[in-house]
Every structure is written in structure tokens, then in C-alpha cells.
């Protein structure tokens, strides 16, 4: 009976998430191609409000949250570095799998 009470919310939650994803794809497209503004309008601690750049968030002298500030070039560089890190990890993982497969074949 415990399995029943565990399974129902998990399966129900999965279906709700799939429904939400499909609605998101209907509204904004699979990769955001239906969006009006495809570029980031504000970045870091700045946003566009009524056509003006406004600073948002805390950041006073005695603490508060300091949001990361990065322009589009920095974002592009971060994206490239992250992709290269994933590529290295993928190579390492594939190499480890191949090595494990070779060890299994030797036995």
C-alpha cells in the first residue's frame, strides 16, 4: 500500500511536468523562437523598466546582495568556456568507459 501512495504523486507529477513543458513550447517555441525579444534586455543588476535601464537588487555599503554583472561578450565567453569544460568531461567519461570495456574484455 505504501508503494501505491508513493507512486501516484510521482507519476502524476511527471505528467504535470510534461504538460507544463508542452505548454511552454506552444507559447515560446522549442528554443524561444516565438519570443519578441530574443536578446537579454537587462543583465546582472540592471533591467529595462519602462524603456529605462534601472539598477535592481541590494548592494549597499553594509552588505546586501550583489548580483553578477556581465555584458553579452562576457556571457558569450562564459558559454564557450562551459562548453569546452563539458567537452573535456565528455572525452574523459568516454575514455573511462572504453578503458573499463577493455578491462572487462581481458577478463
Protein backbone atom coordinates (compact mmCIF):
# COMPACT_ATOMS: atom_id res chain seq x y z
CA UNK A 1 0.00 0.00 0.00
CA UNK A 2 2.90 2.32 0.71
CA UNK A 3 4.16 1.80 -2.83
CA UNK A 4 0.77 2.90 -4.14
CA UNK A 5 0.81 6.12 -2.13
CA UNK A 6 4.37 6.83 -3.28
CA UNK A 7 3.79 6.06 -6.96
CA UNK A 8 0.65 8.14 -7.56
CA UNK A 9 2.21 11.56 -6.75
CA UNK A 10 5.41 10.72 -8.64
CA UNK A 11 3.62 9.61 -11.80
CA UNK A 12 1.09 12.43 -11.50
CA UNK A 13 3.88 14.95 -11.04
CA UNK A 14 5.68 13.63 -14.12
CA UNK A 15 2.54 14.08 -16.23
CA UNK A 16 2.04 17.61 -14.88
CA UNK A 17 5.63 18.50 -15.77
CA UNK A 18 5.20 17.09 -19.30
CA UNK A 19 2.02 19.14 -19.69
CA UNK A 20 3.83 22.29 -18.48
CA UNK A 21 6.72 21.69 -20.88
CA UNK A 22 4.34 21.25 -23.81
CA UNK A 23 2.51 24.46 -22.90
CA UNK A 24 5.85 26.27 -22.71
CA UNK A 25 6.81 25.01 -26.17
CA UNK A 26 3.42 26.14 -27.51
CA UNK A 27 3.84 29.63 -26.06
CA UNK A 28 7.52 30.45 -26.68
CA UNK A 29 8.69 27.74 -29.07
CA UNK A 30 11.13 24.91 -28.56
CA UNK A 31 14.15 27.24 -28.38
CA UNK A 32 12.39 30.57 -27.82
CA UNK A 33 11.84 31.34 -31.49
CA UNK A 34 8.38 32.80 -30.79
CA UNK A 35 9.74 35.39 -28.34
CA UNK A 36 9.57 39.05 -29.37
CA UNK A 37 12.91 39.92 -27.75
CA UNK A 38 15.47 37.20 -28.27
CA UNK A 39 18.34 39.08 -26.63
CA UNK A 40 18.74 39.70 -22.94
CA UNK A 41 17.40 43.19 -22.22
CA UNK A 42 18.91 43.67 -18.81
CA UNK A 43 21.87 41.91 -17.30
CA UNK A 44 23.24 41.44 -13.84
CA UNK A 45 21.90 44.13 -11.57
CA UNK A 46 20.31 46.16 -14.37
CA UNK A 47 16.96 45.70 -16.09
CA UNK A 48 14.80 47.63 -18.53
CA UNK A 49 11.74 49.20 -16.87
CA UNK A 50 9.57 51.50 -18.99
CA UNK A 51 12.38 51.83 -21.53
CA UNK A 52 14.97 52.96 -18.96
CA UNK A 53 17.86 50.98 -17.54
CA UNK A 54 17.23 50.60 -13.82
CA UNK A 55 19.51 49.13 -11.14
CA UNK A 56 17.79 46.41 -9.14
CA UNK A 57 18.71 44.44 -6.06
CA UNK A 58 20.55 45.35 -2.91
CA UNK A 59 24.16 46.33 -2.84
CA UNK A 60 24.62 48.89 -0.18
CA UNK A 61 27.72 49.60 1.81
CA UNK A 62 26.94 47.19 4.64
CA UNK A 63 26.10 44.05 2.74
CA UNK A 64 23.18 43.06 0.69
CA UNK A 65 23.08 41.01 -2.45
CA UNK A 66 25.46 41.98 -5.21
CA UNK A 67 24.20 40.49 -8.45
CA UNK A 68 26.66 39.34 -11.09
CA UNK A 69 27.13 41.94 -13.78
CA UNK A 70 28.15 40.70 -17.20
CA UNK A 71 27.73 42.08 -20.67
CA UNK A 72 26.96 39.99 -23.75
CA UNK A 73 30.69 39.43 -24.51
CA UNK A 74 31.31 38.04 -21.03
CA UNK A 75 28.22 35.85 -21.32
CA UNK A 76 29.48 34.54 -24.67
CA UNK A 77 32.94 33.82 -23.21
CA UNK A 78 31.37 32.03 -20.23
CA UNK A 79 29.25 29.95 -22.58
CA UNK A 80 32.29 28.95 -24.65
CA UNK A 81 34.31 28.03 -21.53
CA UNK A 82 31.41 25.98 -20.16
CA UNK A 83 31.03 24.13 -23.48
CA UNK A 84 34.77 23.36 -23.55
CA UNK A 85 34.60 22.06 -19.96
CA UNK A 86 31.67 19.80 -20.88
CA UNK A 87 33.59 18.59 -23.94
CA UNK A 88 36.62 17.68 -21.80
CA UNK A 89 34.41 15.88 -19.28
CA UNK A 90 32.66 14.01 -22.08
CA UNK A 91 36.03 12.90 -23.52
CA UNK A 92 37.21 11.80 -20.08
CA UNK A 93 34.00 9.87 -19.44
CA UNK A 94 34.19 8.16 -22.85
CA UNK A 95 37.85 7.30 -22.26
CA UNK A 96 37.00 5.80 -18.84
CA UNK A 97 34.14 3.78 -20.38
CA UNK A 98 36.42 2.49 -23.14
CA UNK A 99 39.09 1.60 -20.59
CA UNK A 100 36.52 -0.23 -18.45
CA UNK A 101 35.24 -2.07 -21.52
CA UNK A 102 38.80 -3.14 -22.45
CA UNK A 103 39.42 -4.39 -18.89
CA UNK A 104 36.17 -6.37 -18.98
CA UNK A 105 37.15 -7.96 -22.28
CA UNK A 106 40.54 -9.01 -20.91
CA UNK A 107 38.97 -10.92 -18.03
